[in-house]
């Protein structure tokens, strides 16, 4: 049984394929992990930037609970406090993708 890919992992795989990046398997896995970290960081910044002052204060409290910043509880938090959150994330991913592909040309 194979593990199902996370959306971030699937997005990273798609970017690597679009960019025609070919590396030995071990190096490719390291590259993909670094890329996923960058994607996650970008989504975090975009999400935090979209919060109002109260949302930011609530987010700081949430992080004080010592939870996984990439976990479902944080996703639920952003979804409930950011209008059109899915659109915000899609736009951020589209921008990241365009910047990534452009940087490789």
PDB file of N, CA and C in Angstrom:
ATOM      1  N   UNK A   1       0.843  -1.184   0.000  1.00  0.00           N
ATOM      2  CA  UNK A   1       0.000   0.000   0.000  1.00  0.00           C
ATOM      3  C   UNK A   1       0.887   1.246   0.000  1.00  0.00           C
ATOM      4  N   UNK A   2       0.642   2.159  -0.937  1.00  0.00           N
ATOM      5  CA  UNK A   2       1.447   3.372  -1.012  1.00  0.00           C
ATOM      6  C   UNK A   2       0.770   4.491  -0.237  1.00  0.00           C
ATOM      7  N   UNK A   3       1.619   5.353   0.323  1.00  0.00           N
ATOM      8  CA  UNK A   3       1.082   6.495   1.061  1.00  0.00           C
ATOM      9  C   UNK A   3       0.510   7.512   0.086  1.00  0.00           C
ATOM     10  N   UNK A   4      -0.599   8.116   0.479  1.00  0.00           N
ATOM     11  CA  UNK A   4      -1.183   9.159  -0.338  1.00  0.00           C
ATOM     12  C   UNK A   4      -0.370  10.431  -0.157  1.00  0.00           C
ATOM     13  N   UNK A   5      -0.130  11.128  -1.254  1.00  0.00           N
ATOM     14  CA  UNK A   5       0.650  12.360  -1.197  1.00  0.00           C
ATOM     15  C   UNK A   5      -0.179  13.480  -0.585  1.00  0.00           C
ATOM     16  N   UNK A   6       0.506  14.345   0.134  1.00  0.00           N
ATOM     17  CA  UNK A   6      -0.148  15.549   0.631  1.00  0.00           C
ATOM     18  C   UNK A   6      -0.325  16.503  -0.550  1.00  0.00           C
ATOM     19  N   UNK A   7      -1.228  17.474  -0.441  1.00  0.00           N
ATOM     20  CA  UNK A   7      -1.370  18.452  -1.525  1.00  0.00           C
ATOM     21  C   UNK A   7      -0.061  19.204  -1.809  1.00  0.00           C
ATOM     22  N   UNK A   8       0.696  19.504  -0.761  1.00  0.00           N
ATOM     23  CA  UNK A   8       1.969  20.210  -0.948  1.00  0.00           C
ATOM     24  C   UNK A   8       2.955  19.324  -1.716  1.00  0.00           C
ATOM     25  N   UNK A   9       2.997  18.045  -1.373  1.00  0.00           N
ATOM     26  CA  UNK A   9       3.904  17.122  -2.061  1.00  0.00           C
ATOM     27  C   UNK A   9       3.504  16.968  -3.529  1.00  0.00           C
ATOM     28  N   UNK A  10       2.218  16.850  -3.791  1.00  0.00           N
ATOM     29  CA  UNK A  10       1.744  16.731  -5.171  1.00  0.00           C
ATOM     30  C   UNK A  10       2.074  17.995  -5.965  1.00  0.00           C
ATOM     31  N   UNK A  11       1.934  19.161  -5.330  1.00  0.00           N
ATOM     32  CA  UNK A  11       2.254  20.426  -5.988  1.00  0.00           C
ATOM     33  C   UNK A  11       3.751  20.492  -6.298  1.00  0.00           C
ATOM     34  N   UNK A  12       4.587  20.097  -5.339  1.00  0.00           N
ATOM     35  CA  UNK A  12       6.040  20.096  -5.553  1.00  0.00           C
ATOM     36  C   UNK A  12       6.414  19.151  -6.695  1.00  0.00           C
ATOM     37  N   UNK A  13       5.815  17.966  -6.716  1.00  0.00           N
ATOM     38  CA  UNK A  13       6.074  17.017  -7.806  1.00  0.00           C
ATOM     39  C   UNK A  13       5.698  17.620  -9.155  1.00  0.00           C
ATOM     40  N   UNK A  14       4.576  18.314  -9.188  1.00  0.00           N
ATOM     41  CA  UNK A  14       4.118  18.949 -10.416  1.00  0.00           C
ATOM     42  C   UNK A  14       5.107  20.025 -10.879  1.00  0.00           C
ATOM     43  N   UNK A  15       5.595  20.830  -9.943  1.00  0.00           N
ATOM     44  CA  UNK A  15       6.567  21.868 -10.300  1.00  0.00           C
ATOM     45  C   UNK A  15       7.856  21.254 -10.843  1.00  0.00           C
ATOM     46  N   UNK A  16       8.322  20.217 -10.182  1.00  0.00           N
ATOM     47  CA  UNK A  16       9.551  19.546 -10.617  1.00  0.00           C
ATOM     48  C   UNK A  16       9.374  18.980 -12.021  1.00  0.00           C
ATOM     49  N   UNK A  17       8.209  18.410 -12.277  1.00  0.00           N
ATOM     50  CA  UNK A  17       7.929  17.854 -13.600  1.00  0.00           C
ATOM     51  C   UNK A  17       7.835  18.967 -14.648  1.00  0.00           C
ATOM     52  N   UNK A  18       7.119  20.056 -14.326  1.00  0.00           N
ATOM     53  CA  UNK A  18       6.990  21.174 -15.263  1.00  0.00           C
ATOM     54  C   UNK A  18       8.344  21.779 -15.611  1.00  0.00           C
ATOM     55  N   UNK A  19       9.236  21.818 -14.627  1.00  0.00           N
ATOM     56  CA  UNK A  19      10.550  22.417 -14.824  1.00  0.00           C
ATOM     57  C   UNK A  19      11.552  21.436 -15.439  1.00  0.00           C
ATOM     58  N   UNK A  20      11.111  20.201 -15.672  1.00  0.00           N
ATOM     59  CA  UNK A  20      11.980  19.162 -16.236  1.00  0.00           C
ATOM     60  C   UNK A  20      13.267  18.981 -15.432  1.00  0.00           C
ATOM     61  N   UNK A  21      13.139  18.976 -14.122  1.00  0.00           N
ATOM     62  CA  UNK A  21      14.296  18.789 -13.251  1.00  0.00           C
ATOM     63  C   UNK A  21      14.581  17.297 -13.145  1.00  0.00           C
ATOM     64  N   UNK A  22      15.782  16.923 -13.524  1.00  0.00           N
ATOM     65  CA  UNK A  22      16.183  15.524 -13.430  1.00  0.00           C
ATOM     66  C   UNK A  22      17.448  15.440 -12.584  1.00  0.00           C
ATOM     67  N   UNK A  23      17.357  14.705 -11.528  1.00  0.00           N
ATOM     68  CA  UNK A  23      18.463  14.482 -10.601  1.00  0.00           C
ATOM     69  C   UNK A  23      18.437  13.022 -10.184  1.00  0.00           C
ATOM     70  N   UNK A  24      19.549  12.525  -9.663  1.00  0.00           N
ATOM     71  CA  UNK A  24      19.498  11.184  -9.079  1.00  0.00           C
ATOM     72  C   UNK A  24      18.431  11.143  -7.984  1.00  0.00           C
ATOM     73  N   UNK A  25      17.831   9.991  -7.784  1.00  0.00           N
ATOM     74  CA  UNK A  25      16.670   9.859  -6.896  1.00  0.00           C
ATOM     75  C   UNK A  25      16.895  10.466  -5.510  1.00  0.00           C
ATOM     76  N   UNK A  26      18.042  10.190  -4.910  1.00  0.00           N
ATOM     77  CA  UNK A  26      18.310  10.693  -3.560  1.00  0.00           C
ATOM     78  C   UNK A  26      18.379  12.226  -3.542  1.00  0.00           C
ATOM     79  N   UNK A  27      19.056  12.803  -4.530  1.00  0.00           N
ATOM     80  CA  UNK A  27      19.156  14.262  -4.616  1.00  0.00           C
ATOM     81  C   UNK A  27      17.799  14.886  -4.938  1.00  0.00           C
ATOM     82  N   UNK A  28      17.038  14.217  -5.784  1.00  0.00           N
ATOM     83  CA  UNK A  28      15.713  14.719  -6.136  1.00  0.00           C
ATOM     84  C   UNK A  28      14.807  14.761  -4.907  1.00  0.00           C
ATOM     85  N   UNK A  29      14.909  13.752  -4.066  1.00  0.00           N
ATOM     86  CA  UNK A  29      14.103  13.716  -2.838  1.00  0.00           C
ATOM     87  C   UNK A  29      14.484  14.877  -1.914  1.00  0.00           C
ATOM     88  N   UNK A  30      15.775  15.149  -1.779  1.00  0.00           N
ATOM     89  CA  UNK A  30      16.234  16.291  -0.969  1.00  0.00           C
ATOM     90  C   UNK A  30      15.735  17.606  -1.561  1.00  0.00           C
ATOM     91  N   UNK A  31      15.838  17.723  -2.882  1.00  0.00           N
ATOM     92  CA  UNK A  31      15.383  18.929  -3.569  1.00  0.00           C
ATOM     93  C   UNK A  31      13.885  19.133  -3.347  1.00  0.00           C
ATOM     94  N   UNK A  32      13.136  18.051  -3.485  1.00  0.00           N
ATOM     95  CA  UNK A  32      11.681  18.127  -3.301  1.00  0.00           C
ATOM     96  C   UNK A  32      11.337  18.533  -1.871  1.00  0.00           C
ATOM     97  N   UNK A  33      12.047  17.993  -0.899  1.00  0.00           N
ATOM     98  CA  UNK A  33      11.786  18.361   0.498  1.00  0.00           C
ATOM     99  C   UNK A  33      12.044  19.843   0.742  1.00  0.00           C
ATOM    100  N   UNK A  34      13.133  20.372   0.175  1.00  0.00           N
ATOM    101  CA  UNK A  34      13.430  21.809   0.310  1.00  0.00           C
ATOM    102  C   UNK A  34      12.345  22.638  -0.377  1.00  0.00           C
ATOM    103  N   UNK A  35      11.913  22.185  -1.528  1.00  0.00           N
ATOM    104  CA  UNK A  35      10.864  22.887  -2.263  1.00  0.00           C
ATOM    105  C   UNK A  35       9.561  22.899  -1.466  1.00  0.00           C
ATOM    106  N   UNK A  36       9.218  21.771  -0.858  1.00  0.00           N
ATOM    107  CA  UNK A  36       7.993  21.702  -0.046  1.00  0.00           C
ATOM    108  C   UNK A  36       8.089  22.642   1.160  1.00  0.00           C
ATOM    109  N   UNK A  37       9.270  22.762   1.747  1.00  0.00           N
ATOM    110  CA  UNK A  37       9.459  23.703   2.860  1.00  0.00           C
ATOM    111  C   UNK A  37       9.211  25.133   2.395  1.00  0.00           C
ATOM    112  N   UNK A  38       9.727  25.478   1.212  1.00  0.00           N
ATOM    113  CA  UNK A  38       9.522  26.822   0.672  1.00  0.00           C
ATOM    114  C   UNK A  38       8.045  27.084   0.386  1.00  0.00           C
ATOM    115  N   UNK A  39       7.373  26.103  -0.165  1.00  0.00           N
ATOM    116  CA  UNK A  39       5.942  26.248  -0.463  1.00  0.00           C
ATOM    117  C   UNK A  39       5.163  26.452   0.835  1.00  0.00           C
ATOM    118  N   UNK A  40       5.443  25.622   1.825  1.00  0.00           N
ATOM    119  CA  UNK A  40       4.745  25.719   3.112  1.00  0.00           C
ATOM    120  C   UNK A  40       5.001  27.074   3.765  1.00  0.00           C
ATOM    121  N   UNK A  41       6.247  27.531   3.695  1.00  0.00           N
ATOM    122  CA  UNK A  41       6.602  28.832   4.266  1.00  0.00           C
ATOM    123  C   UNK A  41       5.824  29.957   3.570  1.00  0.00           C
ATOM    124  N   UNK A  42       5.754  29.877   2.244  1.00  0.00           N
ATOM    125  CA  UNK A  42       5.037  30.906   1.481  1.00  0.00           C
ATOM    126  C   UNK A  42       3.561  30.920   1.847  1.00  0.00           C
ATOM    127  N   UNK A  43       2.963  29.740   1.948  1.00  0.00           N
ATOM    128  CA  UNK A  43       1.542  29.670   2.306  1.00  0.00           C
ATOM    129  C   UNK A  43       1.309  30.205   3.712  1.00  0.00           C
ATOM    130  N   UNK A  44       2.223  29.930   4.614  1.00  0.00           N
ATOM    131  CA  UNK A  44       2.113  30.459   5.971  1.00  0.00           C
ATOM    132  C   UNK A  44       2.168  31.972   5.986  1.00  0.00           C
ATOM    133  N   UNK A  45       3.109  32.540   5.238  1.00  0.00           N
ATOM    134  CA  UNK A  45       3.237  34.000   5.187  1.00  0.00           C
ATOM    135  C   UNK A  45       1.997  34.650   4.582  1.00  0.00           C
ATOM    136  N   UNK A  46       1.512  34.063   3.499  1.00  0.00           N
ATOM    137  CA  UNK A  46       0.312  34.597   2.843  1.00  0.00           C
ATOM    138  C   UNK A  46      -0.885  34.515   3.785  1.00  0.00           C
ATOM    139  N   UNK A  47      -1.005  33.413   4.490  1.00  0.00           N
ATOM    140  CA  UNK A  47      -2.133  33.219   5.405  1.00  0.00           C
ATOM    141  C   UNK A  47      -2.084  34.207   6.562  1.00  0.00           C
ATOM    142  N   UNK A  48      -0.926  34.342   7.178  1.00  0.00           N
ATOM    143  CA  UNK A  48      -0.788  35.273   8.307  1.00  0.00           C
ATOM    144  C   UNK A  48      -1.029  36.705   7.838  1.00  0.00           C
ATOM    145  N   UNK A  49      -0.521  37.033   6.648  1.00  0.00           N
ATOM    146  CA  UNK A  49      -0.688  38.380   6.110  1.00  0.00           C
ATOM    147  C   UNK A  49      -2.160  38.716   5.861  1.00  0.00           C
ATOM    148  N   UNK A  50      -2.979  37.707   5.597  1.00  0.00           N
ATOM    149  CA  UNK A  50      -4.401  37.927   5.305  1.00  0.00           C
ATOM    150  C   UNK A  50      -5.251  38.101   6.568  1.00  0.00           C
ATOM    151  N   UNK A  51      -4.666  37.868   7.742  1.00  0.00           N
ATOM    152  CA  UNK A  51      -5.422  38.007   8.997  1.00  0.00           C
ATOM    153  C   UNK A  51      -5.556  39.467   9.405  1.00  0.00           C
ATOM    154  N   UNK A  52      -6.680  39.794  10.043  1.00  0.00           N
ATOM    155  CA  UNK A  52      -6.810  41.118  10.639  1.00  0.00           C
ATOM    156  C   UNK A  52      -6.129  41.085  12.012  1.00  0.00           C
ATOM    157  N   UNK A  53      -6.147  42.214  12.729  1.00  0.00           N
ATOM    158  CA  UNK A  53      -5.445  42.294  14.019  1.00  0.00           C
ATOM    159  C   UNK A  53      -5.957  41.264  15.021  1.00  0.00           C
ATOM    160  N   UNK A  54      -7.279  41.096  15.093  1.00  0.00           N
ATOM    161  CA  UNK A  54      -7.837  40.114  16.028  1.00  0.00           C
ATOM    162  C   UNK A  54      -7.437  38.701  15.617  1.00  0.00           C
ATOM    163  N   UNK A  55      -7.502  38.432  14.328  1.00  0.00           N
ATOM    164  CA  UNK A  55      -7.108  37.116  13.833  1.00  0.00           C
ATOM    165  C   UNK A  55      -5.648  36.823  14.126  1.00  0.00           C
ATOM    166  N   UNK A  56      -4.802  37.840  13.997  1.00  0.00           N
ATOM    167  CA  UNK A  56      -3.381  37.669  14.290  1.00  0.00           C
ATOM    168  C   UNK A  56      -3.158  37.370  15.768  1.00  0.00           C
ATOM    169  N   UNK A  57      -3.879  38.073  16.629  1.00  0.00           N
ATOM    170  CA  UNK A  57      -3.776  37.823  18.073  1.00  0.00           C
ATOM    171  C   UNK A  57      -4.252  36.404  18.398  1.00  0.00           C
ATOM    172  N   UNK A  58      -5.349  35.989  17.773  1.00  0.00           N
ATOM    173  CA  UNK A  58      -5.861  34.628  17.994  1.00  0.00           C
ATOM    174  C   UNK A  58      -4.877  33.576  17.473  1.00  0.00           C
ATOM    175  N   UNK A  59      -4.216  33.884  16.369  1.00  0.00           N
ATOM    176  CA  UNK A  59      -3.231  32.964  15.799  1.00  0.00           C
ATOM    177  C   UNK A  59      -2.043  32.799  16.751  1.00  0.00           C
ATOM    178  N   UNK A  60      -1.604  33.899  17.328  1.00  0.00           N
ATOM    179  CA  UNK A  60      -0.499  33.831  18.292  1.00  0.00           C
ATOM    180  C   UNK A  60      -0.883  32.965  19.490  1.00  0.00           C
ATOM    181  N   UNK A  61      -2.126  33.090  19.945  1.00  0.00           N
ATOM    182  CA  UNK A  61      -2.605  32.243  21.048  1.00  0.00           C
ATOM    183  C   UNK A  61      -2.600  30.772  20.632  1.00  0.00           C
ATOM    184  N   UNK A  62      -3.068  30.517  19.419  1.00  0.00           N
ATOM    185  CA  UNK A  62      -3.126  29.151  18.907  1.00  0.00           C
ATOM    186  C   UNK A  62      -1.728  28.528  18.865  1.00  0.00           C
ATOM    187  N   UNK A  63      -0.758  29.282  18.401  1.00  0.00           N
ATOM    188  CA  UNK A  63       0.608  28.763  18.339  1.00  0.00           C
ATOM    189  C   UNK A  63       1.176  28.531  19.733  1.00  0.00           C
ATOM    190  N   UNK A  64       0.679  29.282  20.710  1.00  0.00           N
ATOM    191  CA  UNK A  64       1.101  29.087  22.091  1.00  0.00           C
ATOM    192  C   UNK A  64       0.653  27.751  22.657  1.00  0.00           C
ATOM    193  N   UNK A  65      -0.288  27.104  21.989  1.00  0.00           N
ATOM    194  CA  UNK A  65      -0.780  25.791  22.422  1.00  0.00           C
ATOM    195  C   UNK A  65       0.165  24.661  22.011  1.00  0.00           C
ATOM    196  N   UNK A  66       1.296  25.033  21.407  1.00  0.00           N
ATOM    197  CA  UNK A  66       2.314  24.062  21.016  1.00  0.00           C
ATOM    198  C   UNK A  66       1.753  23.005  20.062  1.00  0.00           C
ATOM    199  N   UNK A  67       1.113  23.472  18.986  1.00  0.00           N
ATOM    200  CA  UNK A  67       0.543  22.568  17.983  1.00  0.00           C
ATOM    201  C   UNK A  67       1.395  22.602  16.718  1.00  0.00           C
ATOM    202  N   UNK A  68       1.155  21.671  15.835  1.00  0.00           N
ATOM    203  CA  UNK A  68       1.857  21.616  14.555  1.00  0.00           C
ATOM    204  C   UNK A  68       1.383  22.783  13.691  1.00  0.00           C
ATOM    205  N   UNK A  69       2.293  23.719  13.331  1.00  0.00           N
ATOM    206  CA  UNK A  69       1.875  24.875  12.536  1.00  0.00           C
ATOM    207  C   UNK A  69       1.388  24.505  11.140  1.00  0.00           C
ATOM    208  N   UNK A  70       1.650  23.286  10.711  1.00  0.00           N
ATOM    209  CA  UNK A  70       1.181  22.829   9.403  1.00  0.00           C
ATOM    210  C   UNK A  70       0.027  21.843   9.519  1.00  0.00           C
ATOM    211  N   UNK A  71      -0.480  21.668  10.720  1.00  0.00           N
ATOM    212  CA  UNK A  71      -1.511  20.676  10.966  1.00  0.00           C
ATOM    213  C   UNK A  71      -2.921  21.143  10.664  1.00  0.00           C
ATOM    214  N   UNK A  72      -3.877  20.231  10.817  1.00  0.00           N
ATOM    215  CA  UNK A  72      -5.273  20.519  10.484  1.00  0.00           C
ATOM    216  C   UNK A  72      -5.903  21.608  11.355  1.00  0.00           C
ATOM    217  N   UNK A  73      -5.480  21.720  12.605  1.00  0.00           N
ATOM    218  CA  UNK A  73      -6.058  22.739  13.482  1.00  0.00           C
ATOM    219  C   UNK A  73      -5.746  24.145  12.960  1.00  0.00           C
ATOM    220  N   UNK A  74      -4.545  24.324  12.455  1.00  0.00           N
ATOM    221  CA  UNK A  74      -4.150  25.621  11.902  1.00  0.00           C
ATOM    222  C   UNK A  74      -4.893  25.871  10.591  1.00  0.00           C
ATOM    223  N   UNK A  75      -5.046  24.833   9.778  1.00  0.00           N
ATOM    224  CA  UNK A  75      -5.796  24.979   8.529  1.00  0.00           C
ATOM    225  C   UNK A  75      -7.232  25.409   8.809  1.00  0.00           C
ATOM    226  N   UNK A  76      -7.850  24.770   9.790  1.00  0.00           N
ATOM    227  CA  UNK A  76      -9.223  25.131  10.166  1.00  0.00           C
ATOM    228  C   UNK A  76      -9.284  26.578  10.642  1.00  0.00           C
ATOM    229  N   UNK A  77      -8.284  26.979  11.407  1.00  0.00           N
ATOM    230  CA  UNK A  77      -8.228  28.349  11.913  1.00  0.00           C
ATOM    231  C   UNK A  77      -8.226  29.341  10.749  1.00  0.00           C
ATOM    232  N   UNK A  78      -7.302  29.153   9.800  1.00  0.00           N
ATOM    233  CA  UNK A  78      -7.216  30.082   8.671  1.00  0.00           C
ATOM    234  C   UNK A  78      -8.491  30.054   7.835  1.00  0.00           C
ATOM    235  N   UNK A  79      -9.025  28.869   7.594  1.00  0.00           N
ATOM    236  CA  UNK A  79     -10.251  28.752   6.798  1.00  0.00           C
ATOM    237  C   UNK A  79     -11.410  29.509   7.423  1.00  0.00           C
ATOM    238  N   UNK A  80     -11.459  29.510   8.749  1.00  0.00           N
ATOM    239  CA  UNK A  80     -12.581  30.162   9.426  1.00  0.00           C
ATOM    240  C   UNK A  80     -12.399  31.676   9.563  1.00  0.00           C
ATOM    241  N   UNK A  81     -11.184  32.177   9.384  1.00  0.00           N
ATOM    242  CA  UNK A  81     -10.936  33.599   9.620  1.00  0.00           C
ATOM    243  C   UNK A  81     -10.537  34.400   8.390  1.00  0.00           C
ATOM    244  N   UNK A  82     -10.274  33.716   7.294  1.00  0.00           N
ATOM    245  CA  UNK A  82      -9.871  34.413   6.072  1.00  0.00           C
ATOM    246  C   UNK A  82     -10.932  34.174   5.009  1.00  0.00           C
ATOM    247  N   UNK A  83     -11.528  35.270   4.582  1.00  0.00           N
ATOM    248  CA  UNK A  83     -12.558  35.194   3.548  1.00  0.00           C
ATOM    249  C   UNK A  83     -11.932  34.632   2.268  1.00  0.00           C
ATOM    250  N   UNK A  84     -12.637  33.707   1.632  1.00  0.00           N
ATOM    251  CA  UNK A  84     -12.176  33.084   0.389  1.00  0.00           C
ATOM    252  C   UNK A  84     -10.783  32.472   0.545  1.00  0.00           C
ATOM    253  N   UNK A  85     -10.575  31.782   1.645  1.00  0.00           N
ATOM    254  CA  UNK A  85      -9.249  31.236   1.956  1.00  0.00           C
ATOM    255  C   UNK A  85      -8.710  30.342   0.840  1.00  0.00           C
ATOM    256  N   UNK A  86      -9.558  29.500   0.277  1.00  0.00           N
ATOM    257  CA  UNK A  86      -9.095  28.612  -0.796  1.00  0.00           C
ATOM    258  C   UNK A  86      -8.592  29.409  -1.993  1.00  0.00           C
ATOM    259  N   UNK A  87      -9.276  30.507  -2.318  1.00  0.00           N
ATOM    260  CA  UNK A  87      -8.840  31.359  -3.424  1.00  0.00           C
ATOM    261  C   UNK A  87      -7.515  32.034  -3.097  1.00  0.00           C
ATOM    262  N   UNK A  88      -7.355  32.474  -1.852  1.00  0.00           N
ATOM    263  CA  UNK A  88      -6.105  33.102  -1.418  1.00  0.00           C
ATOM    264  C   UNK A  88      -4.951  32.114  -1.590  1.00  0.00           C
ATOM    265  N   UNK A  89      -5.165  30.880  -1.166  1.00  0.00           N
ATOM    266  CA  UNK A  89      -4.131  29.849  -1.272  1.00  0.00           C
ATOM    267  C   UNK A  89      -3.856  29.500  -2.732  1.00  0.00           C
ATOM    268  N   UNK A  90      -4.903  29.376  -3.537  1.00  0.00           N
ATOM    269  CA  UNK A  90      -4.708  29.062  -4.956  1.00  0.00           C
ATOM    270  C   UNK A  90      -3.894  30.152  -5.635  1.00  0.00           C
ATOM    271  N   UNK A  91      -4.211  31.398  -5.348  1.00  0.00           N
ATOM    272  CA  UNK A  91      -3.468  32.511  -5.939  1.00  0.00           C
ATOM    273  C   UNK A  91      -2.003  32.467  -5.501  1.00  0.00           C
ATOM    274  N   UNK A  92      -1.764  32.180  -4.227  1.00  0.00           N
ATOM    275  CA  UNK A  92      -0.390  32.094  -3.718  1.00  0.00           C
ATOM    276  C   UNK A  92       0.376  30.964  -4.406  1.00  0.00           C
ATOM    277  N   UNK A  93      -0.276  29.831  -4.616  1.00  0.00           N
ATOM    278  CA  UNK A  93       0.373  28.707  -5.297  1.00  0.00           C
ATOM    279  C   UNK A  93       0.647  29.029  -6.764  1.00  0.00           C
ATOM    280  N   UNK A  94      -0.292  29.703  -7.419  1.00  0.00           N
ATOM    281  CA  UNK A  94      -0.087  30.103  -8.814  1.00  0.00           C
ATOM    282  C   UNK A  94       1.103  31.052  -8.931  1.00  0.00           C
ATOM    283  N   UNK A  95       1.186  32.007  -8.006  1.00  0.00           N
ATOM    284  CA  UNK A  95       2.297  32.960  -8.002  1.00  0.00           C
ATOM    285  C   UNK A  95       3.616  32.241  -7.747  1.00  0.00           C
ATOM    286  N   UNK A  96       3.622  31.346  -6.770  1.00  0.00           N
ATOM    287  CA  UNK A  96       4.832  30.585  -6.457  1.00  0.00           C
ATOM    288  C   UNK A  96       5.277  29.787  -7.679  1.00  0.00           C
ATOM    289  N   UNK A  97       4.338  29.130  -8.324  1.00  0.00           N
ATOM    290  CA  UNK A  97       4.643  28.319  -9.499  1.00  0.00           C
ATOM    291  C   UNK A  97       5.266  29.171 -10.602  1.00  0.00           C
ATOM    292  N   UNK A  98       4.660  30.317 -10.893  1.00  0.00           N
ATOM    293  CA  UNK A  98       5.176  31.199 -11.940  1.00  0.00           C
ATOM    294  C   UNK A  98       6.583  31.687 -11.597  1.00  0.00           C
ATOM    295  N   UNK A  99       6.804  32.062 -10.346  1.00  0.00           N
ATOM    296  CA  UNK A  99       8.122  32.531  -9.922  1.00  0.00           C
ATOM    297  C   UNK A  99       9.152  31.409 -10.008  1.00  0.00           C
ATOM    298  N   UNK A 100       8.774  30.214  -9.605  1.00  0.00           N
ATOM    299  CA  UNK A 100       9.679  29.066  -9.622  1.00  0.00           C
ATOM    300  C   UNK A 100      10.106  28.744 -11.051  1.00  0.00           C
ATOM    301  N   UNK A 101       9.144  28.629 -11.946  1.00  0.00           N
ATOM    302  CA  UNK A 101       9.440  28.294 -13.341  1.00  0.00           C
ATOM    303  C   UNK A 101      10.259  29.407 -13.987  1.00  0.00           C
ATOM    304  N   UNK A 102       9.901  30.652 -13.723  1.00  0.00           N
ATOM    305  CA  UNK A 102      10.621  31.794 -14.284  1.00  0.00           C
ATOM    306  C   UNK A 102      12.073  31.836 -13.812  1.00  0.00           C
ATOM    307  N   UNK A 103      12.308  31.512 -12.561  1.00  0.00           N
ATOM    308  CA  UNK A 103      13.663  31.550 -12.003  1.00  0.00           C
ATOM    309  C   UNK A 103      14.570  30.496 -12.635  1.00  0.00           C
ATOM    310  N   UNK A 104      13.992  29.452 -13.183  1.00  0.00           N
ATOM    311  CA  UNK A 104      14.788  28.378 -13.775  1.00  0.00           C
ATOM    312  C   UNK A 104      15.119  28.618 -15.243  1.00  0.00           C
ATOM    313  N   UNK A 105      14.538  29.643 -15.822  1.00  0.00           N
ATOM    314  CA  UNK A 105      14.784  29.923 -17.252  1.00  0.00           C
ATOM    315  C   UNK A 105      16.049  30.718 -17.438  1.00  0.00           C
TER     316      UNK A 105
END
